[in-house]
Amino acid sequence: MRPIKIGANVWIGLNAVILDGVAIGDRSGIGAGSAVTKDTPPDCVAVGHPCRVIKTITHSEMPADEELDEMWADLHDFYYQQNTQLNNL
């Protein structure tokens, strides 16, 4: 079994399957339900079964690292609030 390599700031959709030995490049997005059978480059959106690159993201379209950090923090806070509300029912 070969390790899977997932780059920094990668978003992977629900129920995506990533095969052994596949590398996903930094700042990429993998669509929900996709089957990643081969390496994907950085800065792209890939979807499908098998997964294929449908869009390359240019640096002008990307948020700055500080914005990404803030987005992850907001997402963490959102999930924390949701879990707190569920636990208080």
C-alpha atoms as a PDB file:
ATOM      1  CA  MET A   1       0.000   0.000   0.000  1.00  0.00           C
ATOM      2  CA  ARG A   2       1.435   3.385  -1.028  1.00  0.00           C
ATOM      3  CA  PRO A   3       0.678   6.551   0.972  1.00  0.00           C
ATOM      4  CA  ILE A   4      -1.742   9.185  -0.236  1.00  0.00           C
ATOM      5  CA  LYS A   5      -0.281  12.697  -0.336  1.00  0.00           C
ATOM      6  CA  ILE A   6      -2.628  15.625   0.227  1.00  0.00           C
ATOM      7  CA  GLY A   7      -1.226  19.130  -0.203  1.00  0.00           C
ATOM      8  CA  ALA A   8      -1.897  22.233   1.869  1.00  0.00           C
ATOM      9  CA  ASN A   9      -5.303  23.957   1.744  1.00  0.00           C
ATOM     10  CA  VAL A  10      -6.981  21.118  -0.158  1.00  0.00           C
ATOM     11  CA  TRP A  11     -10.753  20.737   0.008  1.00  0.00           C
ATOM     12  CA  ILE A  12     -12.146  17.217  -0.458  1.00  0.00           C
ATOM     13  CA  GLY A  13     -15.861  16.744  -1.025  1.00  0.00           C
ATOM     14  CA  LEU A  14     -18.042  14.236   0.807  1.00  0.00           C
ATOM     15  CA  ASN A  15     -17.683  10.594  -0.262  1.00  0.00           C
ATOM     16  CA  ALA A  16     -14.682  11.238  -2.504  1.00  0.00           C
ATOM     17  CA  VAL A  17     -12.495   8.157  -2.944  1.00  0.00           C
ATOM     18  CA  ILE A  18      -8.721   8.606  -3.210  1.00  0.00           C
ATOM     19  CA  LEU A  19      -6.731   5.594  -4.368  1.00  0.00           C
ATOM     20  CA  ASP A  20      -3.392   4.475  -2.937  1.00  0.00           C
ATOM     21  CA  GLY A  21      -0.337   6.417  -4.038  1.00  0.00           C
ATOM     22  CA  VAL A  22      -2.242   9.427  -5.380  1.00  0.00           C
ATOM     23  CA  ALA A  23      -0.961  12.960  -4.716  1.00  0.00           C
ATOM     24  CA  ILE A  24      -3.301  15.955  -4.615  1.00  0.00           C
ATOM     25  CA  GLY A  25      -1.599  19.296  -5.194  1.00  0.00           C
ATOM     26  CA  ASP A  26      -1.771  22.321  -2.895  1.00  0.00           C
ATOM     27  CA  ARG A  27      -4.842  24.584  -2.998  1.00  0.00           C
ATOM     28  CA  SER A  28      -6.939  22.110  -4.991  1.00  0.00           C
ATOM     29  CA  GLY A  29     -10.553  21.067  -4.635  1.00  0.00           C
ATOM     30  CA  ILE A  30     -11.908  17.552  -5.187  1.00  0.00           C
ATOM     31  CA  GLY A  31     -15.621  17.251  -5.908  1.00  0.00           C
ATOM     32  CA  ALA A  32     -18.004  15.214  -3.779  1.00  0.00           C
ATOM     33  CA  GLY A  33     -18.294  11.611  -4.892  1.00  0.00           C
ATOM     34  CA  SER A  34     -15.225  11.826  -7.110  1.00  0.00           C
ATOM     35  CA  ALA A  35     -12.845   8.900  -7.591  1.00  0.00           C
ATOM     36  CA  VAL A  36      -9.274  10.213  -7.642  1.00  0.00           C
ATOM     37  CA  THR A  37      -7.281   7.599  -9.573  1.00  0.00           C
ATOM     38  CA  LYS A  38      -4.216   9.656 -10.505  1.00  0.00           C
ATOM     39  CA  ASP A  39      -2.270  12.677  -9.284  1.00  0.00           C
ATOM     40  CA  THR A  40      -3.911  16.086  -9.510  1.00  0.00           C
ATOM     41  CA  PRO A  41      -1.860  19.259  -9.981  1.00  0.00           C
ATOM     42  CA  PRO A  42      -1.882  22.185  -7.575  1.00  0.00           C
ATOM     43  CA  ASP A  43      -4.359  25.041  -8.004  1.00  0.00           C
ATOM     44  CA  CYS A  44      -7.185  23.160  -9.687  1.00  0.00           C
ATOM     45  CA  VAL A  45     -10.711  21.853  -9.254  1.00  0.00           C
ATOM     46  CA  ALA A  46     -11.136  18.184 -10.159  1.00  0.00           C
ATOM     47  CA  VAL A  47     -14.367  16.175 -10.247  1.00  0.00           C
ATOM     48  CA  GLY A  48     -15.845  13.003 -11.632  1.00  0.00           C
ATOM     49  CA  HIS A  49     -15.530   9.259 -11.756  1.00  0.00           C
ATOM     50  CA  PRO A  50     -12.682   9.035 -12.683  1.00  0.00           C
ATOM     51  CA  CYS A  51     -11.644  12.454 -11.413  1.00  0.00           C
ATOM     52  CA  ARG A  52     -10.558  14.994 -14.041  1.00  0.00           C
ATOM     53  CA  VAL A  53      -9.394  18.594 -13.797  1.00  0.00           C
ATOM     54  CA  ILE A  54     -12.212  20.905 -14.895  1.00  0.00           C
ATOM     55  CA  LYS A  55     -10.671  24.213 -13.874  1.00  0.00           C
ATOM     56  CA  THR A  56      -7.252  25.616 -13.189  1.00  0.00           C
ATOM     57  CA  ILE A  57      -7.281  28.345 -10.557  1.00  0.00           C
ATOM     58  CA  THR A  58      -5.125  31.370 -11.240  1.00  0.00           C
ATOM     59  CA  HIS A  59      -3.402  33.112  -8.376  1.00  0.00           C
ATOM     60  CA  SER A  60      -5.510  36.236  -8.918  1.00  0.00           C
ATOM     61  CA  GLU A  61      -8.617  34.172  -8.066  1.00  0.00           C
ATOM     62  CA  MET A  62      -7.146  32.746  -4.867  1.00  0.00           C
ATOM     63  CA  PRO A  63      -7.601  34.209  -1.437  1.00  0.00           C
ATOM     64  CA  ALA A  64      -4.455  35.232   0.401  1.00  0.00           C
ATOM     65  CA  ASP A  65      -3.065  32.885   3.059  1.00  0.00           C
ATOM     66  CA  GLU A  66      -4.455  35.140   5.798  1.00  0.00           C
ATOM     67  CA  GLU A  67      -7.925  34.912   4.235  1.00  0.00           C
ATOM     68  CA  LEU A  68      -7.661  31.126   4.057  1.00  0.00           C
ATOM     69  CA  ASP A  69      -6.677  30.982   7.723  1.00  0.00           C
ATOM     70  CA  GLU A  70      -9.680  33.135   8.590  1.00  0.00           C
ATOM     71  CA  MET A  71     -11.995  30.945   6.494  1.00  0.00           C
ATOM     72  CA  TRP A  72     -10.785  27.779   8.270  1.00  0.00           C
ATOM     73  CA  ALA A  73     -11.227  29.471  11.660  1.00  0.00           C
ATOM     74  CA  ASP A  74     -14.770  30.538  10.726  1.00  0.00           C
ATOM     75  CA  LEU A  75     -15.576  27.002   9.611  1.00  0.00           C
ATOM     76  CA  HIS A  76     -14.214  25.589  12.880  1.00  0.00           C
ATOM     77  CA  ASP A  77     -16.316  28.079  14.873  1.00  0.00           C
ATOM     78  CA  PHE A  78     -19.425  27.172  12.849  1.00  0.00           C
ATOM     79  CA  TYR A  79     -19.028  23.440  13.523  1.00  0.00           C
ATOM     80  CA  TYR A  80     -18.299  24.088  17.195  1.00  0.00           C
ATOM     81  CA  GLN A  81     -21.512  26.133  17.507  1.00  0.00           C
ATOM     82  CA  GLN A  82     -23.533  23.451  15.718  1.00  0.00           C
ATOM     83  CA  ASN A  83     -22.215  20.699  17.995  1.00  0.00           C
ATOM     84  CA  THR A  84     -22.818  22.831  21.093  1.00  0.00           C
ATOM     85  CA  GLN A  85     -26.426  23.456  20.031  1.00  0.00           C
ATOM     86  CA  LEU A  86     -27.006  19.745  19.384  1.00  0.00           C
ATOM     87  CA  ASN A  87     -25.540  18.770  22.746  1.00  0.00           C
ATOM     88  CA  ASN A  88     -27.842  21.241  24.536  1.00  0.00           C
ATOM     89  CA  LEU A  89     -31.078  19.738  23.146  1.00  0.00           C
END
